[in-house]
C-alpha atoms as a PDB file:
ATOM      1  CA  MET A   1     -14.037  -5.174 -96.315  1.00  0.00           C
ATOM      2  CA  THR A   2     -13.949  -5.027-100.093  1.00  0.00           C
ATOM      3  CA  LYS A   3     -14.556  -8.096-102.183  1.00  0.00           C
ATOM      4  CA  PHE A   4     -13.769  -8.505-105.842  1.00  0.00           C
ATOM      5  CA  LYS A   5     -13.329 -11.226-108.417  1.00  0.00           C
ATOM      6  CA  LEU A   6      -9.788 -11.640-109.646  1.00  0.00           C
ATOM      7  CA  THR A   7      -9.237 -13.244-113.052  1.00  0.00           C
ATOM      8  CA  LEU A   8      -5.521 -13.737-112.954  1.00  0.00           C
ATOM      9  CA  PHE A   9      -4.785 -14.128-116.638  1.00  0.00           C
ATOM     10  CA  ALA A  10      -6.643 -10.995-117.678  1.00  0.00           C
ATOM     11  CA  LEU A  11      -5.323  -7.457-117.687  1.00  0.00           C
ATOM     12  CA  ILE A  12      -8.473  -5.888-116.271  1.00  0.00           C
ATOM     13  CA  VAL A  13     -10.100  -7.335-113.174  1.00  0.00           C
ATOM     14  CA  PRO A  14     -13.810  -6.919-112.372  1.00  0.00           C
ATOM     15  CA  PHE A  15     -14.761  -6.474-108.719  1.00  0.00           C
ATOM     16  CA  ILE A  16     -17.715  -6.033-106.382  1.00  0.00           C
ATOM     17  CA  LEU A  17     -17.379  -3.475-103.573  1.00  0.00           C
ATOM     18  CA  GLN A  18     -18.578  -4.038-100.011  1.00  0.00           C
ATOM     19  CA  ALA A  19     -16.539  -1.519 -98.045  1.00  0.00           C
ATOM     20  CA  GLN A  20     -16.112  -1.558 -94.300  1.00  0.00           C
ATOM     21  CA  LYS A  21     -13.641  -0.345 -91.638  1.00  0.00           C
ATOM     22  CA  GLY A  22     -11.945   2.191 -93.954  1.00  0.00           C
ATOM     23  CA  SER A  23     -13.514   2.646 -97.352  1.00  0.00           C
ATOM     24  CA  ILE A  24     -11.636   0.945-100.215  1.00  0.00           C
ATOM     25  CA  TYR A  25     -12.517   1.737-103.811  1.00  0.00           C
ATOM     26  CA  ASN A  26     -11.071   2.307-107.297  1.00  0.00           C
ATOM     27  CA  ILE A  27      -9.632  -1.214-107.126  1.00  0.00           C
ATOM     28  CA  GLN A  28      -7.713  -2.553-110.098  1.00  0.00           C
ATOM     29  CA  ALA A  29      -5.828  -5.826-110.161  1.00  0.00           C
ATOM     30  CA  SER A  30      -3.869  -7.662-112.814  1.00  0.00           C
ATOM     31  CA  GLN A  31      -1.292 -10.391-113.108  1.00  0.00           C
ATOM     32  CA  ARG A  32       2.087  -9.589-114.608  1.00  0.00           C
ATOM     33  CA  ASN A  33       3.003 -11.265-117.886  1.00  0.00           C
ATOM     34  CA  ASP A  34       6.756 -11.016-117.307  1.00  0.00           C
ATOM     35  CA  GLY A  35       7.005 -14.599-116.064  1.00  0.00           C
ATOM     36  CA  THR A  36       6.766 -13.764-112.342  1.00  0.00           C
ATOM     37  CA  LYS A  37       2.936 -14.022-112.318  1.00  0.00           C
ATOM     38  CA  LEU A  38       2.896 -11.523-109.454  1.00  0.00           C
ATOM     39  CA  VAL A  39      -0.463  -9.830-108.915  1.00  0.00           C
ATOM     40  CA  ASP A  40      -0.626  -6.034-108.644  1.00  0.00           C
ATOM     41  CA  VAL A  41      -3.551  -4.606-106.661  1.00  0.00           C
ATOM     42  CA  TYR A  42      -4.160  -0.839-106.823  1.00  0.00           C
ATOM     43  CA  PHE A  43      -6.756   0.925-104.681  1.00  0.00           C
ATOM     44  CA  THR A  44      -7.848   4.117-102.970  1.00  0.00           C
ATOM     45  CA  LEU A  45      -8.287   4.152 -99.177  1.00  0.00           C
ATOM     46  CA  SER A  46     -10.225   6.666 -97.109  1.00  0.00           C
ATOM     47  CA  GLY A  47     -11.099   6.772 -93.407  1.00  0.00           C
ATOM     48  CA  ASP A  48     -10.691   8.642 -90.123  1.00  0.00           C
ATOM     49  CA  ALA A  49      -7.771   6.678 -88.603  1.00  0.00           C
ATOM     50  CA  ASP A  50      -4.199   7.962 -88.725  1.00  0.00           C
ATOM     51  CA  ALA A  51      -2.879   4.695 -90.190  1.00  0.00           C
ATOM     52  CA  TYR A  52      -4.200   1.344 -91.417  1.00  0.00           C
ATOM     53  CA  TYR A  53      -3.036  -2.230 -91.819  1.00  0.00           C
ATOM     54  CA  MET A  54      -4.202  -3.985 -95.000  1.00  0.00           C
ATOM     55  CA  THR A  55      -5.170  -7.652 -95.119  1.00  0.00           C
ATOM     56  CA  LEU A  56      -6.181  -9.856 -98.036  1.00  0.00           C
ATOM     57  CA  GLU A  57      -8.100 -13.120 -98.206  1.00  0.00           C
ATOM     58  CA  VAL A  58      -8.608 -15.339-101.241  1.00  0.00           C
ATOM     59  CA  SER A  59     -11.110 -18.025-102.277  1.00  0.00           C
ATOM     60  CA  PHE A  60     -10.522 -20.798-104.800  1.00  0.00           C
ATOM     61  CA  ASN A  61     -14.009 -22.326-104.590  1.00  0.00           C
ATOM     62  CA  ASN A  62     -16.328 -19.505-105.627  1.00  0.00           C
ATOM     63  CA  GLY A  63     -16.482 -17.963-102.180  1.00  0.00           C
ATOM     64  CA  ASN A  64     -17.349 -21.035-100.101  1.00  0.00           C
ATOM     65  CA  SER A  65     -14.080 -20.668 -98.167  1.00  0.00           C
ATOM     66  CA  TYR A  66     -11.648 -17.782 -97.798  1.00  0.00           C
ATOM     67  CA  PHE A  67      -7.984 -18.158 -96.870  1.00  0.00           C
ATOM     68  CA  PRO A  68      -5.887 -15.413 -95.276  1.00  0.00           C
ATOM     69  CA  ILE A  69      -2.919 -14.321 -97.356  1.00  0.00           C
ATOM     70  CA  SER A  70       0.149 -14.259 -95.144  1.00  0.00           C
ATOM     71  CA  GLY A  71       2.047 -11.001 -94.957  1.00  0.00           C
ATOM     72  CA  SER A  72       5.161 -12.883 -96.093  1.00  0.00           C
ATOM     73  CA  PHE A  73       3.596 -13.088 -99.582  1.00  0.00           C
ATOM     74  CA  LEU A  74       2.579  -9.418 -99.732  1.00  0.00           C
ATOM     75  CA  SER A  75       4.619  -6.293-100.309  1.00  0.00           C
ATOM     76  CA  GLY A  76       3.979  -2.632-100.975  1.00  0.00           C
ATOM     77  CA  ASP A  77       1.305  -0.611 -99.160  1.00  0.00           C
ATOM     78  CA  VAL A  78       0.424  -3.266 -96.592  1.00  0.00           C
ATOM     79  CA  GLY A  79       0.852  -1.118 -93.516  1.00  0.00           C
ATOM     80  CA  PRO A  80       1.069   0.935 -91.588  1.00  0.00           C
ATOM     81  CA  ILE A  81      -0.215   3.264 -94.310  1.00  0.00           C
ATOM     82  CA  ALA A  82      -2.153   6.518 -94.407  1.00  0.00           C
ATOM     83  CA  THR A  83      -5.192   7.078 -96.573  1.00  0.00           C
ATOM     84  CA  GLY A  84      -4.582   8.022-100.188  1.00  0.00           C
ATOM     85  CA  SER A  85      -5.043   7.136-103.823  1.00  0.00           C
ATOM     86  CA  ASN A  86      -3.091   4.862-106.171  1.00  0.00           C
ATOM     87  CA  LEU A  87      -1.974   2.668-103.260  1.00  0.00           C
ATOM     88  CA  HIS A  88      -0.344  -0.564-104.380  1.00  0.00           C
ATOM     89  CA  ILE A  89      -0.006  -4.094-102.979  1.00  0.00           C
ATOM     90  CA  VAL A  90       1.941  -6.874-104.706  1.00  0.00           C
ATOM     91  CA  TRP A  91       0.771 -10.442-104.068  1.00  0.00           C
ATOM     92  CA  ASN A  92       2.904 -13.510-104.822  1.00  0.00           C
ATOM     93  CA  GLY A  93      -0.123 -15.637-105.684  1.00  0.00           C
ATOM     94  CA  THR A  94       1.461 -18.794-107.065  1.00  0.00           C
ATOM     95  CA  SER A  95       3.633 -19.238-103.950  1.00  0.00           C
ATOM     96  CA  THR A  96       0.892 -18.549-101.393  1.00  0.00           C
ATOM     97  CA  TYR A  97      -1.237 -21.674-101.774  1.00  0.00           C
ATOM     98  CA  PRO A  98       0.513 -23.722-104.474  1.00  0.00           C
ATOM     99  CA  ASN A  99      -1.776 -26.743-104.065  1.00  0.00           C
ATOM    100  CA  LEU A 100      -4.961 -24.693-104.325  1.00  0.00           C
ATOM    101  CA  TYR A 101      -4.003 -21.898-106.691  1.00  0.00           C
ATOM    102  CA  SER A 102      -6.079 -21.480-109.851  1.00  0.00           C
ATOM    103  CA  ASN A 103      -6.366 -18.870-112.552  1.00  0.00           C
ATOM    104  CA  GLN A 104      -9.687 -17.579-111.249  1.00  0.00           C
ATOM    105  CA  THR A 105     -10.164 -16.521-107.660  1.00  0.00           C
ATOM    106  CA  LEU A 106     -12.233 -14.310-105.422  1.00  0.00           C
ATOM    107  CA  MET A 107     -10.330 -11.908-103.221  1.00  0.00           C
ATOM    108  CA  LYS A 108     -11.311  -9.720-100.267  1.00  0.00           C
ATOM    109  CA  ILE A 109      -9.264  -6.749 -99.144  1.00  0.00           C
ATOM    110  CA  SER A 110      -9.819  -4.965 -95.830  1.00  0.00           C
ATOM    111  CA  ALA A 111      -8.295  -2.084 -93.901  1.00  0.00           C
ATOM    112  CA  THR A 112      -7.996  -2.148 -90.114  1.00  0.00           C
ATOM    113  CA  PRO A 113      -6.892   0.870 -88.034  1.00  0.00           C
ATOM    114  CA  ILE A 114      -3.436   0.282 -86.576  1.00  0.00           C
ATOM    115  CA  SER A 115      -4.684   1.601 -83.227  1.00  0.00           C
ATOM    116  CA  SER A 116      -7.025  -1.413 -82.904  1.00  0.00           C
ATOM    117  CA  LEU A 117      -4.227  -3.991 -83.289  1.00  0.00           C
ATOM    118  CA  ASN A 118      -2.164  -5.361 -80.426  1.00  0.00           C
ATOM    119  CA  SER A 119       0.574  -7.411 -82.083  1.00  0.00           C
ATOM    120  CA  CYS A 120       3.449  -8.607 -79.916  1.00  0.00           C
ATOM    121  CA  ALA A 121       6.179  -5.974 -79.653  1.00  0.00           C
ATOM    122  CA  GLY A 122       8.995  -6.798 -82.054  1.00  0.00           C
ATOM    123  CA  THR A 123       7.259  -9.965 -83.265  1.00  0.00           C
ATOM    124  CA  PRO A 124       4.161  -9.060 -85.307  1.00  0.00           C
ATOM    125  CA  ILE A 125       4.638 -12.218 -87.413  1.00  0.00           C
ATOM    126  CA  VAL A 126       6.332 -15.552 -86.665  1.00  0.00           C
ATOM    127  CA  VAL A 127       7.274 -18.068 -89.372  1.00  0.00           C
ATOM    128  CA  ASP A 128       7.541 -21.841 -88.846  1.00  0.00           C
ATOM    129  CA  ILE A 129      10.065 -24.231 -90.441  1.00  0.00           C
ATOM    130  CA  ASP A 130       7.734 -24.824 -93.414  1.00  0.00           C
ATOM    131  CA  GLY A 131       7.463 -21.095 -94.140  1.00  0.00           C
ATOM    132  CA  ASN A 132       3.928 -20.701 -92.767  1.00  0.00           C
ATOM    133  CA  ALA A 133       3.523 -17.210 -91.280  1.00  0.00           C
ATOM    134  CA  TYR A 134       1.315 -16.442 -88.271  1.00  0.00           C
ATOM    135  CA  ASN A 135       0.105 -13.132 -86.882  1.00  0.00           C
ATOM    136  CA  THR A 136       0.705 -12.604 -83.164  1.00  0.00           C
ATOM    137  CA  ILE A 137      -1.322 -11.031 -80.370  1.00  0.00           C
ATOM    138  CA  GLN A 138      -0.246  -9.662 -76.990  1.00  0.00           C
ATOM    139  CA  ILE A 139      -2.662 -10.691 -74.226  1.00  0.00           C
ATOM    140  CA  GLY A 140      -1.487  -9.421 -70.863  1.00  0.00           C
ATOM    141  CA  THR A 141       2.120 -10.529 -70.449  1.00  0.00           C
ATOM    142  CA  GLN A 142       1.753 -13.402 -72.934  1.00  0.00           C
ATOM    143  CA  CYS A 143       2.476 -13.368 -76.669  1.00  0.00           C
ATOM    144  CA  TRP A 144       0.340 -15.865 -78.641  1.00  0.00           C
ATOM    145  CA  MET A 145      -0.025 -16.949 -82.233  1.00  0.00           C
ATOM    146  CA  MET A 146      -3.393 -15.821 -83.588  1.00  0.00           C
ATOM    147  CA  GLU A 147      -3.738 -18.968 -85.729  1.00  0.00           C
ATOM    148  CA  ASN A 148      -3.483 -22.728 -85.261  1.00  0.00           C
ATOM    149  CA  LEU A 149      -0.179 -24.398 -86.109  1.00  0.00           C
ATOM    150  CA  ARG A 150       0.184 -25.780 -89.685  1.00  0.00           C
ATOM    151  CA  THR A 151       3.732 -27.138 -89.835  1.00  0.00           C
ATOM    152  CA  SER A 152       4.521 -30.617 -91.163  1.00  0.00           C
ATOM    153  CA  ARG A 153       8.044 -30.567 -89.699  1.00  0.00           C
ATOM    154  CA  TYR A 154       9.625 -30.093 -86.305  1.00  0.00           C
ATOM    155  CA  LYS A 155      11.600 -26.900 -85.828  1.00  0.00           C
ATOM    156  CA  ASN A 156      14.867 -28.796 -86.515  1.00  0.00           C
ATOM    157  CA  GLY A 157      13.595 -29.753 -89.985  1.00  0.00           C
ATOM    158  CA  LEU A 158      12.666 -33.401 -89.339  1.00  0.00           C
ATOM    159  CA  ASN A 159       9.344 -34.559 -90.774  1.00  0.00           C
ATOM    160  CA  ILE A 160       6.529 -35.214 -88.311  1.00  0.00           C
ATOM    161  CA  GLN A 161       5.843 -38.788 -89.371  1.00  0.00           C
ATOM    162  CA  GLY A 162       2.501 -40.312 -88.397  1.00  0.00           C
ATOM    163  CA  ASP A 163       1.747 -37.696 -85.751  1.00  0.00           C
ATOM    164  CA  HIS A 164       0.129 -34.854 -87.686  1.00  0.00           C
ATOM    165  CA  PHE A 165      -3.024 -34.846 -89.791  1.00  0.00           C
ATOM    166  CA  ILE A 166      -5.165 -32.605 -91.977  1.00  0.00           C
ATOM    167  CA  TYR A 167      -8.858 -32.764 -91.110  1.00  0.00           C
ATOM    168  CA  ALA A 168     -10.617 -35.214 -93.468  1.00  0.00           C
ATOM    169  CA  ASN A 169      -7.445 -35.194 -95.597  1.00  0.00           C
ATOM    170  CA  ASP A 170      -8.693 -32.001 -97.250  1.00  0.00           C
ATOM    171  CA  THR A 171      -5.780 -29.622 -97.883  1.00  0.00           C
ATOM    172  CA  ALA A 172      -8.087 -26.622 -97.532  1.00  0.00           C
ATOM    173  CA  ASN A 173      -8.586 -27.430 -93.848  1.00  0.00           C
ATOM    174  CA  LYS A 174      -4.853 -27.052 -93.195  1.00  0.00           C
ATOM    175  CA  TYR A 175      -5.013 -23.382 -94.147  1.00  0.00           C
ATOM    176  CA  LEU A 176      -8.418 -22.756 -92.598  1.00  0.00           C
ATOM    177  CA  TYR A 177      -8.061 -24.506 -89.227  1.00  0.00           C
ATOM    178  CA  GLY A 178      -4.457 -25.685 -88.971  1.00  0.00           C
ATOM    179  CA  ASN A 179      -3.182 -29.249 -88.649  1.00  0.00           C
ATOM    180  CA  LEU A 180      -4.133 -31.761 -85.969  1.00  0.00           C
ATOM    181  CA  TYR A 181      -1.292 -33.253 -83.900  1.00  0.00           C
ATOM    182  CA  THR A 182      -0.885 -36.163 -81.533  1.00  0.00           C
ATOM    183  CA  HIS A 183       0.557 -35.491 -78.107  1.00  0.00           C
ATOM    184  CA  ASN A 184       3.525 -37.595 -79.141  1.00  0.00           C
ATOM    185  CA  ALA A 185       4.382 -34.779 -81.554  1.00  0.00           C
ATOM    186  CA  VAL A 186       3.805 -32.207 -78.800  1.00  0.00           C
ATOM    187  CA  ASN A 187       6.163 -34.108 -76.509  1.00  0.00           C
ATOM    188  CA  ALA A 188       8.895 -34.755 -79.083  1.00  0.00           C
ATOM    189  CA  ALA A 189      12.308 -33.404 -78.161  1.00  0.00           C
ATOM    190  CA  HIS A 190      12.669 -31.957 -81.680  1.00  0.00           C
ATOM    191  CA  GLY A 191      10.256 -29.126 -80.823  1.00  0.00           C
ATOM    192  CA  LEU A 192       6.893 -28.649 -82.526  1.00  0.00           C
ATOM    193  CA  CYS A 193       6.569 -24.850 -82.407  1.00  0.00           C
ATOM    194  CA  PRO A 194       8.956 -22.425 -84.131  1.00  0.00           C
ATOM    195  CA  GLU A 195      12.230 -21.444 -82.479  1.00  0.00           C
ATOM    196  CA  GLY A 196      11.499 -19.264 -79.446  1.00  0.00           C
ATOM    197  CA  TRP A 197       7.948 -20.618 -79.101  1.00  0.00           C
ATOM    198  CA  HIS A 198       6.391 -23.638 -77.390  1.00  0.00           C
ATOM    199  CA  VAL A 199       3.149 -25.507 -76.754  1.00  0.00           C
ATOM    200  CA  PRO A 200       1.558 -23.821 -73.702  1.00  0.00           C
ATOM    201  CA  THR A 201       1.618 -25.529 -70.318  1.00  0.00           C
ATOM    202  CA  SER A 202      -1.517 -25.920 -68.217  1.00  0.00           C
ATOM    203  CA  THR A 203      -0.367 -22.925 -66.162  1.00  0.00           C
ATOM    204  CA  GLU A 204      -0.015 -20.771 -69.271  1.00  0.00           C
ATOM    205  CA  TRP A 205      -3.464 -21.804 -70.516  1.00  0.00           C
ATOM    206  CA  THR A 206      -4.885 -20.914 -67.096  1.00  0.00           C
ATOM    207  CA  GLN A 207      -3.227 -17.505 -67.227  1.00  0.00           C
ATOM    208  CA  LEU A 208      -4.840 -16.845 -70.615  1.00  0.00           C
ATOM    209  CA  ILE A 209      -8.248 -18.144 -69.579  1.00  0.00           C
ATOM    210  CA  ASN A 210      -8.266 -16.047 -66.417  1.00  0.00           C
ATOM    211  CA  TYR A 211      -7.253 -12.838 -68.205  1.00  0.00           C
ATOM    212  CA  PRO A 212      -8.018 -10.110 -67.274  1.00  0.00           C
ATOM    213  CA  SER A 213     -10.177 -10.711 -64.182  1.00  0.00           C
ATOM    214  CA  GLY A 214      -7.795 -13.094 -62.434  1.00  0.00           C
ATOM    215  CA  THR A 215     -10.508 -15.703 -61.922  1.00  0.00           C
ATOM    216  CA  ALA A 216     -12.133 -18.070 -64.396  1.00  0.00           C
ATOM    217  CA  GLY A 217     -15.730 -17.132 -65.113  1.00  0.00           C
ATOM    218  CA  GLY A 218     -18.546 -18.395 -67.293  1.00  0.00           C
ATOM    219  CA  TYR A 219     -17.724 -16.225 -70.299  1.00  0.00           C
ATOM    220  CA  ASN A 220     -14.036 -16.944 -70.835  1.00  0.00           C
ATOM    221  CA  GLY A 221     -14.716 -19.209 -73.795  1.00  0.00           C
ATOM    222  CA  ARG A 222     -16.856 -16.547 -75.432  1.00  0.00           C
ATOM    223  CA  GLN A 223     -14.140 -13.913 -74.982  1.00  0.00           C
ATOM    224  CA  LEU A 224     -11.465 -16.115 -76.586  1.00  0.00           C
ATOM    225  CA  LYS A 225     -13.500 -17.660 -79.413  1.00  0.00           C
ATOM    226  CA  SER A 226     -13.444 -16.166 -82.888  1.00  0.00           C
ATOM    227  CA  CYS A 227     -16.592 -14.194 -83.657  1.00  0.00           C
ATOM    228  CA  ARG A 228     -16.783 -15.818 -87.118  1.00  0.00           C
ATOM    229  CA  GLN A 229     -20.023 -17.823 -86.952  1.00  0.00           C
ATOM    230  CA  VAL A 230     -23.036 -18.749 -89.029  1.00  0.00           C
ATOM    231  CA  ASN A 231     -25.763 -16.225 -88.129  1.00  0.00           C
ATOM    232  CA  ASN A 232     -23.800 -14.850 -85.193  1.00  0.00           C
ATOM    233  CA  ALA A 233     -26.481 -13.811 -82.692  1.00  0.00           C
ATOM    234  CA  PHE A 234     -24.409 -10.957 -81.265  1.00  0.00           C
ATOM    235  CA  TYR A 235     -22.856  -9.357 -84.353  1.00  0.00           C
ATOM    236  CA  SER A 236     -24.696  -8.383 -87.503  1.00  0.00           C
ATOM    237  CA  GLY A 237     -22.845  -8.278 -90.792  1.00  0.00           C
ATOM    238  CA  GLY A 238     -19.132  -8.005 -91.472  1.00  0.00           C
ATOM    239  CA  ASN A 239     -16.662 -10.839 -90.964  1.00  0.00           C
ATOM    240  CA  CYS A 240     -18.378 -12.094 -87.804  1.00  0.00           C
ATOM    241  CA  GLU A 241     -21.712 -13.126 -89.303  1.00  0.00           C
ATOM    242  CA  THR A 242     -20.559 -15.509 -92.018  1.00  0.00           C
ATOM    243  CA  GLU A 243     -21.007 -18.945 -93.530  1.00  0.00           C
ATOM    244  CA  GLU A 244     -17.522 -18.865 -95.031  1.00  0.00           C
ATOM    245  CA  HIS A 245     -14.922 -21.137 -93.457  1.00  0.00           C
ATOM    246  CA  PRO A 246     -13.160 -20.833 -91.098  1.00  0.00           C
ATOM    247  CA  ARG A 247     -16.066 -20.247 -88.710  1.00  0.00           C
ATOM    248  CA  TRP A 248     -18.213 -21.725 -85.942  1.00  0.00           C
ATOM    249  CA  ASN A 249     -21.502 -23.471 -86.661  1.00  0.00           C
ATOM    250  CA  GLU A 250     -24.722 -21.692 -85.838  1.00  0.00           C
ATOM    251  CA  SER A 251     -25.980 -21.291 -82.271  1.00  0.00           C
ATOM    252  CA  THR A 252     -28.885 -19.071 -81.282  1.00  0.00           C
ATOM    253  CA  GLN A 253     -27.527 -18.559 -77.757  1.00  0.00           C
ATOM    254  CA  PHE A 254     -23.735 -18.947 -77.756  1.00  0.00           C
ATOM    255  CA  TYR A 255     -21.203 -16.982 -79.789  1.00  0.00           C
ATOM    256  CA  GLY A 256     -17.664 -15.649 -79.689  1.00  0.00           C
ATOM    257  CA  THR A 257     -16.778 -12.023 -79.040  1.00  0.00           C
ATOM    258  CA  ASP A 258     -12.996 -12.437 -79.437  1.00  0.00           C
ATOM    259  CA  ASP A 259     -12.308  -9.638 -76.963  1.00  0.00           C
ATOM    260  CA  TYR A 260      -8.518 -10.002 -77.039  1.00  0.00           C
ATOM    261  CA  GLY A 261      -7.775 -11.261 -80.563  1.00  0.00           C
ATOM    262  CA  PHE A 262      -7.026 -14.899 -79.671  1.00  0.00           C
ATOM    263  CA  GLY A 263      -9.604 -16.104 -82.203  1.00  0.00           C
ATOM    264  CA  ALA A 264     -10.058 -19.762 -81.123  1.00  0.00           C
ATOM    265  CA  MET A 265     -11.282 -21.823 -84.062  1.00  0.00           C
ATOM    266  CA  PRO A 266     -13.217 -25.128 -84.162  1.00  0.00           C
ATOM    267  CA  GLY A 267     -10.739 -27.357 -85.982  1.00  0.00           C
ATOM    268  CA  GLY A 268     -12.360 -30.580 -84.738  1.00  0.00           C
ATOM    269  CA  SER A 269     -10.296 -33.636 -83.859  1.00  0.00           C
ATOM    270  CA  ARG A 270      -9.096 -37.039 -85.047  1.00  0.00           C
ATOM    271  CA  ASP A 271      -9.946 -40.215 -83.149  1.00  0.00           C
ATOM    272  CA  HIS A 272      -6.835 -42.184 -82.201  1.00  0.00           C
ATOM    273  CA  ALA A 273      -8.427 -45.606 -82.633  1.00  0.00           C
ATOM    274  CA  SER A 274     -10.564 -45.311 -85.767  1.00  0.00           C
ATOM    275  CA  GLY A 275      -8.735 -42.478 -87.479  1.00  0.00           C
ATOM    276  CA  SER A 276     -12.069 -40.740 -88.085  1.00  0.00           C
ATOM    277  CA  TYR A 277     -12.501 -36.966 -88.023  1.00  0.00           C
ATOM    278  CA  SER A 278     -15.325 -35.116 -86.281  1.00  0.00           C
ATOM    279  CA  GLU A 279     -16.664 -31.805 -84.916  1.00  0.00           C
ATOM    280  CA  LYS A 280     -15.170 -29.279 -87.325  1.00  0.00           C
ATOM    281  CA  GLY A 281     -17.187 -26.113 -86.780  1.00  0.00           C
ATOM    282  CA  ILE A 282     -18.339 -27.437 -83.399  1.00  0.00           C
ATOM    283  CA  THR A 283     -15.312 -27.971 -81.168  1.00  0.00           C
ATOM    284  CA  GLY A 284     -11.822 -26.537 -80.881  1.00  0.00           C
ATOM    285  CA  ARG A 285      -9.527 -28.792 -78.838  1.00  0.00           C
ATOM    286  CA  TYR A 286      -6.025 -27.600 -77.928  1.00  0.00           C
ATOM    287  CA  TRP A 287      -3.238 -29.610 -76.341  1.00  0.00           C
ATOM    288  CA  GLU A 288      -1.438 -28.644 -73.150  1.00  0.00           C
ATOM    289  CA  LYS A 289       2.322 -29.297 -72.959  1.00  0.00           C
ATOM    290  CA  GLU A 290       2.381 -31.783 -70.048  1.00  0.00           C
ATOM    291  CA  HIS A 291       2.683 -35.381 -71.289  1.00  0.00           C
ATOM    292  CA  GLY A 292       1.028 -38.346 -69.587  1.00  0.00           C
ATOM    293  CA  SER A 293       1.963 -41.990 -70.047  1.00  0.00           C
ATOM    294  CA  THR A 294      -1.177 -42.820 -72.062  1.00  0.00           C
ATOM    295  CA  ASN A 295      -3.371 -39.710 -71.888  1.00  0.00           C
ATOM    296  CA  SER A 296      -2.739 -35.959 -71.788  1.00  0.00           C
ATOM    297  CA  PHE A 297      -4.922 -32.924 -71.133  1.00  0.00           C
ATOM    298  CA  GLY A 298      -6.248 -30.289 -73.453  1.00  0.00           C
ATOM    299  CA  ILE A 299      -8.535 -27.245 -73.449  1.00  0.00           C
ATOM    300  CA  ARG A 300     -11.891 -27.526 -75.217  1.00  0.00           C
ATOM    301  CA  PHE A 301     -13.898 -24.700 -76.772  1.00  0.00           C
ATOM    302  CA  TYR A 302     -17.462 -25.682 -77.704  1.00  0.00           C
ATOM    303  CA  VAL A 303     -20.010 -24.054 -79.979  1.00  0.00           C
ATOM    304  CA  PHE A 304     -22.820 -24.515 -77.448  1.00  0.00           C
ATOM    305  CA  SER A 305     -20.998 -23.106 -74.427  1.00  0.00           C
ATOM    306  CA  ASN A 306     -19.565 -19.807 -73.213  1.00  0.00           C
ATOM    307  CA  GLY A 307     -17.126 -21.598 -70.925  1.00  0.00           C
ATOM    308  CA  LEU A 308     -14.123 -23.868 -71.345  1.00  0.00           C
ATOM    309  CA  ILE A 309     -13.519 -27.475 -70.389  1.00  0.00           C
ATOM    310  CA  ARG A 310     -10.212 -29.150 -69.519  1.00  0.00           C
ATOM    311  CA  ASP A 311     -10.366 -32.821 -70.442  1.00  0.00           C
ATOM    312  CA  SER A 312      -8.110 -35.793 -71.144  1.00  0.00           C
ATOM    313  CA  HIS A 313      -7.387 -37.451 -74.488  1.00  0.00           C
ATOM    314  CA  PRO A 314      -5.324 -40.462 -75.590  1.00  0.00           C
ATOM    315  CA  ASN A 315      -1.856 -39.367 -76.660  1.00  0.00           C
ATOM    316  CA  GLY A 316      -2.567 -40.637 -80.176  1.00  0.00           C
ATOM    317  CA  ALA A 317      -5.599 -38.381 -80.693  1.00  0.00           C
ATOM    318  CA  GLY A 318      -5.309 -35.499 -83.129  1.00  0.00           C
ATOM    319  CA  LEU A 319      -5.936 -32.040 -81.628  1.00  0.00           C
ATOM    320  CA  SER A 320      -5.091 -28.465 -82.588  1.00  0.00           C
ATOM    321  CA  VAL A 321      -1.999 -26.667 -81.321  1.00  0.00           C
ATOM    322  CA  ARG A 322      -1.602 -22.969 -80.585  1.00  0.00           C
ATOM    323  CA  CYS A 323       1.919 -21.752 -79.705  1.00  0.00           C
ATOM    324  CA  VAL A 324       2.963 -19.180 -77.099  1.00  0.00           C
ATOM    325  CA  LYS A 325       6.238 -17.272 -77.085  1.00  0.00           C
ATOM    326  CA  ASP A 326       9.009 -18.265 -74.668  1.00  0.00           C
ATOM    327  CA  ASN A 327       9.590 -15.932 -71.723  1.00  0.00           C
ATOM    328  CA  GLN A 328      12.313 -13.446 -72.567  1.00  0.00           C
END
């Protein structure tokens, strides 16, 4: 991972190098003055893999939080690419996070070997009705989004009125952890997930949780949780041991290994009665599809547990949603 400071209205951009996974150096970045405000990033890449996939993250608060830059806002040498010099990525910065964008940012660029990725065949990225793009991951026979849902509209274009929330009303949390939805939104006939995708049923969650052993064990939560954690006790350095959001709070005993790329995140929840928000960094709660008359079930990941819990919530509570692809 390489990290540098990007001053968008200057021609020359200073940067700090912290290379990992494929060495990245000779970075230069500048914003065009032709009215497009596109950002050009040039770099040299070296490494032992045959091909790499490039990813970028950006911070608007001096490095306290980093946001992934969707591939839909990047062009050029994003991947798969071979090692070489004078490689070039173009970033549409002003369109990526229009409510957060500023003229001074911190950016991180990383290179991951293509051989280590397991995107869904034919669907490496899925885009919702709002234009939010999500990476995908193939886990067994299932194709999952790798990120929590962020849409503010149903797939038919209707606004989700009163049934979706941003944690603590902080726009940054939408991009870091996704939105929180009531089960009324999950159950709406309009469809919450993008076309060809749906909120997973209890059976589909069970299939994921039991993968690959066929039986639920005590470490399934650990295997599906993101490894991003404050002072991760298992990993040292890199993206896993981090205080930057999104991430799990610190635990000296429990941590995520993210064996399959699902990357469960602790987006917290919203209480249906008080409207208060709680447990960001501590708990990731995900709705199941089945709708009860007053309460519905969800899957809970917890910072102080390796396992998973299936519990019931009022239909008006705000929980995270992760979409799975329809059977083809």
